[in-house]
Structures are given as C-alpha cells and as structure tokens.
Protein backbone atom coordinates (compact mmCIF):
# COMPACT_ATOMS: atom_id res chain seq x y z
CA MET A 1 -9.71 -29.26 -15.82
CA THR A 2 -12.31 -28.25 -13.39
CA ALA A 3 -14.51 -25.32 -13.66
CA LEU A 4 -14.49 -24.23 -9.60
CA ALA A 5 -17.77 -22.12 -10.44
CA VAL A 6 -20.60 -23.46 -8.53
CA GLU A 7 -20.86 -21.61 -4.67
CA ALA A 8 -20.08 -24.16 -2.29
CA PRO A 9 -22.46 -25.55 -0.08
CA ALA A 10 -23.10 -22.87 3.83
CA GLY A 11 -23.57 -23.81 6.96
CA ARG A 12 -21.17 -26.23 7.97
CA ARG A 13 -19.47 -25.55 11.60
CA TYR A 14 -15.85 -25.99 11.70
CA PRO A 15 -13.30 -25.43 14.66
CA PRO A 16 -11.84 -21.86 14.31
CA THR A 17 -8.62 -21.09 12.86
CA THR A 18 -7.44 -17.71 11.08
CA MET A 19 -6.31 -17.62 6.99
CA VAL A 20 -2.80 -17.82 7.76
CA GLY A 21 -2.03 -20.94 10.32
CA PRO A 22 -3.46 -23.33 7.59
CA VAL A 23 -0.80 -21.84 5.08
CA GLU A 24 2.40 -21.72 7.17
CA ALA A 25 1.43 -25.11 8.62
CA GLN A 26 1.54 -26.55 4.24
CA ALA A 27 4.91 -24.62 4.12
CA ALA A 28 6.42 -26.40 6.64
CA ARG A 29 4.43 -30.02 5.23
CA THR A 30 5.68 -29.27 1.63
CA PRO A 31 8.81 -26.51 1.78
CA SER A 32 10.13 -27.95 -2.20
CA ALA A 33 6.89 -28.19 -3.93
CA PRO A 34 5.27 -25.01 -6.42
CA ALA A 35 3.15 -22.40 -4.27
CA LEU A 36 2.86 -19.76 -7.52
CA VAL A 37 3.71 -20.65 -10.92
CA LEU A 38 4.08 -17.66 -13.43
CA ALA A 39 3.50 -16.92 -16.70
CA GLY A 40 6.11 -16.73 -18.76
CA GLY A 41 8.17 -19.51 -16.98
CA GLY A 42 9.13 -19.82 -13.57
CA ALA A 43 8.05 -20.83 -10.18
CA VAL A 44 7.62 -19.83 -6.33
CA THR A 45 7.84 -22.43 -3.44
CA TYR A 46 6.49 -23.24 -0.70
CA ARG A 47 9.65 -21.97 1.51
CA GLU A 48 10.56 -18.64 -0.73
CA LEU A 49 6.32 -17.20 -0.69
CA ASN A 50 6.51 -17.67 2.88
CA ALA A 51 9.84 -16.54 4.06
CA ALA A 52 8.98 -13.65 2.02
CA ALA A 53 6.15 -12.97 3.04
CA ASN A 54 7.66 -13.34 6.81
CA ARG A 55 10.13 -10.42 6.02
CA LEU A 56 7.84 -7.95 4.83
CA ALA A 57 5.07 -9.31 7.95
CA ARG A 58 8.20 -8.23 9.90
CA ALA A 59 8.64 -4.60 8.12
CA LEU A 60 5.19 -4.07 8.22
CA ALA A 61 5.26 -4.86 12.25
CA ALA A 62 7.83 -2.13 12.64
CA ARG A 63 5.23 0.56 10.93
CA GLY A 64 2.23 -0.78 13.46
CA ALA A 65 0.82 -3.58 11.60
CA ARG A 66 -0.95 -6.04 14.45
CA PRO A 67 -4.22 -7.56 15.35
CA GLY A 68 -6.74 -4.68 14.83
CA ALA A 69 -4.79 -2.68 12.73
CA VAL A 70 -5.30 -2.45 9.00
CA VAL A 71 -2.96 -2.29 6.09
CA GLY A 72 -3.60 -1.11 2.34
CA LEU A 73 -2.73 -2.97 -0.34
CA ALA A 74 -2.33 -1.13 -3.34
CA GLY A 75 -3.47 -2.97 -6.67
CA GLU A 76 -0.89 -1.91 -8.99
CA LEU A 77 1.59 -5.05 -7.64
CA ARG A 78 2.66 -7.34 -9.62
CA PRO A 79 0.47 -10.64 -9.10
CA ALA A 80 3.26 -12.60 -7.21
CA ASP A 81 4.03 -9.81 -4.83
CA LEU A 82 0.32 -8.99 -4.90
CA VAL A 83 -0.08 -12.82 -3.21
CA THR A 84 3.28 -12.27 -0.65
CA ALA A 85 1.77 -8.89 0.23
CA LEU A 86 -1.61 -10.64 0.87
CA LEU A 87 0.47 -13.58 2.86
CA ALA A 88 2.32 -10.72 4.63
CA ILE A 89 -0.33 -8.58 5.94
CA ALA A 90 -2.16 -11.79 6.91
CA LYS A 91 1.04 -13.20 8.96
CA SER A 92 1.45 -9.99 10.94
CA GLY A 93 -2.19 -9.83 11.92
CA ALA A 94 -3.90 -6.65 9.99
CA ALA A 95 -6.23 -6.76 7.86
CA TYR A 96 -5.96 -6.19 4.61
CA LEU A 97 -7.62 -2.84 2.33
CA PRO A 98 -8.01 -3.29 -1.18
CA LEU A 99 -7.14 -0.05 -3.09
CA ASP A 100 -7.79 -0.47 -6.74
CA PRO A 101 -6.13 1.73 -9.27
CA ALA A 102 -9.34 1.97 -10.72
CA GLU A 103 -11.49 3.21 -8.02
CA ALA A 104 -14.37 5.54 -8.84
CA PRO A 105 -13.36 9.07 -7.90
CA GLY A 106 -13.26 9.84 -4.92
CA ARG A 107 -13.25 6.40 -3.40
CA ARG A 108 -9.80 5.57 -2.65
CA GLU A 109 -9.71 9.03 -0.55
CA ARG A 110 -13.28 7.49 1.54
CA LEU A 111 -11.33 4.33 1.50
CA LEU A 112 -8.31 5.55 3.14
CA ALA A 113 -10.09 8.28 5.61
CA GLU A 114 -12.54 5.18 7.06
CA PHE A 115 -10.02 2.79 7.50
CA ALA A 116 -6.90 4.88 8.47
CA PRO A 117 -4.79 2.23 7.19
CA VAL A 118 -1.10 2.55 9.02
CA CYS A 119 0.99 1.72 5.71
CA VAL A 120 -0.05 0.89 2.05
CA VAL A 121 2.10 -1.80 0.55
CA GLY A 122 2.94 -1.16 -2.52
CA GLU A 123 4.19 2.57 -2.20
CA GLY A 124 7.85 1.37 -1.29
CA GLU A 125 6.59 -1.18 1.61
CA LEU A 126 7.69 -3.93 0.00
CA ASP A 127 11.50 -2.83 -0.38
CA GLY A 128 12.20 -2.15 3.09
CA ALA A 129 11.65 -6.03 4.01
CA ALA A 130 14.86 -7.40 2.83
CA GLY A 131 17.30 -7.31 6.18
CA SER A 132 14.05 -8.91 8.35
CA LEU A 133 13.90 -12.19 9.60
CA ALA A 134 12.33 -15.23 7.43
CA THR A 135 10.65 -17.04 10.18
CA ASP A 136 7.04 -17.29 10.74
CA PRO A 137 6.50 -14.04 12.96
CA PRO A 138 4.66 -14.11 16.44
CA ARG A 139 1.00 -12.52 16.82
CA ALA A 140 -1.73 -12.16 18.81
CA LEU A 141 -4.23 -13.30 16.16
CA THR A 142 -7.64 -14.60 16.76
CA PRO A 143 -10.63 -15.88 14.25
CA GLN A 144 -12.41 -13.31 15.12
CA HIS A 145 -10.36 -10.08 14.01
CA PRO A 146 -11.02 -8.86 10.88
CA PHE A 147 -9.06 -10.33 7.89
CA CYS A 148 -10.45 -7.70 5.09
CA VAL A 149 -12.28 -5.01 5.16
CA GLY A 150 -13.86 -2.19 2.34
CA LEU A 151 -16.84 -1.05 1.15
CA GLY A 152 -19.93 -2.13 -0.05
CA PRO A 153 -20.85 -1.06 -3.26
CA GLY A 154 -23.43 0.95 -4.15
CA GLY A 155 -23.71 4.76 -3.89
CA SER A 156 -23.61 5.13 -0.81
CA PRO A 157 -21.73 1.94 0.90
CA GLN A 158 -21.21 0.74 3.92
CA PRO A 159 -18.00 -0.16 5.65
CA VAL A 160 -17.85 -4.25 5.56
CA ARG A 161 -15.33 -5.84 7.19
CA LEU A 162 -14.32 -9.66 6.63
CA THR A 163 -13.25 -12.01 9.42
CA HIS A 164 -10.61 -14.80 9.50
CA ALA A 165 -13.56 -16.87 11.04
CA GLU A 166 -15.68 -16.37 8.02
CA ALA A 167 -13.16 -16.23 5.68
CA ASP A 168 -12.10 -19.73 7.48
CA ARG A 169 -15.32 -21.12 6.60
CA ARG A 170 -16.02 -19.80 2.97
CA VAL A 171 -12.42 -21.27 2.32
CA ARG A 172 -13.45 -24.47 3.83
CA ASP A 173 -17.33 -25.32 2.19
CA LEU A 174 -15.22 -24.00 -1.26
CA GLN A 175 -12.68 -27.34 -0.05
CA ALA A 176 -15.44 -29.46 0.85
CA ALA A 177 -17.12 -29.19 -2.72
CA HIS A 178 -14.17 -28.82 -4.94
CA PRO A 179 -11.18 -30.55 -3.09
CA LEU A 180 -7.62 -29.35 -3.95
CA GLY A 181 -4.61 -30.92 -3.50
CA PRO A 182 -0.76 -31.08 -3.90
CA GLY A 183 -0.16 -31.71 -8.00
CA ASP A 184 -3.43 -29.10 -8.40
CA ARG A 185 -2.69 -25.91 -10.61
CA VAL A 186 -5.74 -22.95 -9.78
CA LEU A 187 -6.16 -20.09 -12.13
CA GLN A 188 -8.50 -17.75 -10.43
CA LEU A 189 -10.27 -14.75 -12.48
CA GLY A 190 -12.18 -12.23 -10.94
CA LEU A 191 -12.45 -13.08 -7.28
CA PRO A 192 -11.99 -11.60 -4.07
CA LEU A 193 -8.11 -11.76 -3.18
CA TRP A 194 -8.46 -13.42 -0.13
CA GLU A 195 -9.08 -16.83 -2.48
CA PHE A 196 -5.81 -16.81 -3.39
CA LEU A 197 -5.26 -18.15 0.03
CA TRP A 198 -7.19 -21.59 -0.71
CA PRO A 199 -5.00 -22.98 -3.15
CA LEU A 200 -1.86 -21.93 -0.89
CA ARG A 201 -3.23 -24.38 2.61
CA THR A 202 -3.87 -27.23 0.60
CA GLY A 203 -0.76 -28.00 -1.18
CA ALA A 204 -2.13 -26.80 -4.54
CA ALA A 205 -0.40 -23.94 -6.57
CA VAL A 206 -1.61 -20.45 -7.94
CA ALA A 207 -1.20 -19.76 -11.28
CA LEU A 208 -0.30 -16.23 -12.39
CA ALA A 209 -1.14 -14.16 -15.19
CA ASP A 210 1.36 -11.60 -16.30
CA PRO A 211 -0.46 -8.40 -16.71
CA GLN A 212 1.78 -7.23 -19.08
CA ARG A 213 1.38 -10.28 -21.74
CA PRO A 214 -2.86 -10.29 -21.85
CA GLY A 215 -3.86 -12.91 -23.77
CA GLU A 216 -6.65 -15.63 -23.90
CA VAL A 217 -7.23 -17.89 -21.17
CA GLY A 218 -6.71 -21.29 -22.86
CA GLU A 219 -3.40 -19.94 -23.54
CA LEU A 220 -2.55 -19.48 -20.09
CA VAL A 221 -4.31 -22.96 -19.42
CA ARG A 222 -1.83 -24.62 -21.62
CA GLU A 223 1.05 -22.58 -20.63
CA LEU A 224 0.74 -22.76 -16.39
CA GLY A 225 -0.73 -26.57 -16.70
CA VAL A 226 -3.54 -25.31 -15.13
CA THR A 227 -5.93 -27.96 -13.77
CA ALA A 228 -8.61 -25.82 -11.93
CA ILE A 229 -10.49 -22.53 -12.82
CA ARG A 230 -12.11 -20.71 -9.88
CA VAL A 231 -14.57 -17.83 -11.31
CA ALA A 232 -17.50 -16.24 -10.55
CA PRO A 233 -20.66 -18.17 -12.23
CA GLY A 234 -21.76 -15.25 -14.46
CA VAL A 235 -18.32 -15.21 -16.33
CA LEU A 236 -19.04 -18.17 -17.44
CA SER A 237 -22.45 -17.62 -18.52
CA ALA A 238 -21.35 -14.61 -20.35
CA GLY A 239 -18.96 -16.31 -22.40
C-alpha cells in the first residue's frame, strides 16, 4: 500500500481538457470494472456510476444547471451519492459549491448569497433523476469554465473559483507523481472533493468509508483492499 502524501510537482503543461471528459472515456473503456468500493460490502461499476450521474445531470440541467451556473452540494449525502452528485454536476457543466453542515454560523448563508446556486443536490434533487436518460448529456463546456467555487479561509474569506483547466492540471500532476491504474483502490482522507475524480480517470476504484461505522484506517484498508491512501502531509505527521 502506498501513502500518496507528497505534493506532485507543478509546472508541467498539458493539452487543456475538462474534468469530466476523461471519466466518461474511462467508463466507456472499462464499464464493468469497479469504480466505487463500499465499506460493508458492495461495489459500483463504472457503467453504473456513469449512468446514475448522467440521469442526475439531466435532472439538474432541467433545473438550470449549465456551464457558468452553480449547483450546491450538500455534505450530508452518503459517500456513494456524494461521488455520483459530484460527477453529475460536472457533467451538467455547472460548478459545484460544497456546503458543509459543520460550517461556522452564517457561512452557509453567505455562500448561498455569494454564488446563488440554481439548486442544492442533497435537498431533494437526487429524487427526480430516476426517469432521465442514462446516456452522456451534451454540454457546451470548456476548460475555462468554473469547476468548483467557494470561500477562502479566514475571517473575511474572498470568493474562490477553480476552473476545469486548473483542476485537470493538478490531477495530471498527481498522476505523473503517483501513477494510478486498474486494480488500484484509493482511500482519500480529508482532501478536496474534486480529487475523488482522479482515480476515476485512470481505471482505479475509489474506496468509500461508511460514516455510520467509524473505525480505524487500518480496518478500512484491510476490508476494502486499499492499495493507496491519498492524505494531506499534515495528517501523516500528526499520526
């Protein structure tokens, strides 16, 4: 097992692309491979994940999700639903706005006022997707469109926006430093949500803990067959 804690080198140049295109391409190449492995048993294949995200993306588009728009992403979702929703928002072309239930008082209200999301996934938006088409939706998305928005840290945080191009560059730097591929199962601890799409571009699986079953990382590693853990350096040094 590998701990992917060292920051990848920056400065490489890559042909720009969006964060979602490579995931869709991987789903087409390995539809039956596991994309998500779940604590307590079970797995979601690339075909199943892609289809579920496509249905939700189309439902979100009907609510106004499109390139340049923002969709809120509630942190109370189950882990598998959270990954599905993250991918679906990207497929719709909108940027996702993470909404953590543990936010400081007033911060959620400021986030909603600042970014004016067209809807919030996790507040009924998953329910209306079942009847939508499961094929990849069309979108006029470019690498320069926002992929993630939020507020910076500090007492007077400023709005921040991460474009598809910048997120894609960071993911490719990570892949160059720590290559992932089919057969890998990656557990991610305390990292930005957008990094969950990194393994899904390479044919690897994302290992997901059960929030209702808190336990030691070692237990998850053994149960889920984890081959790599992606953590912030401070997490390891504190351990």
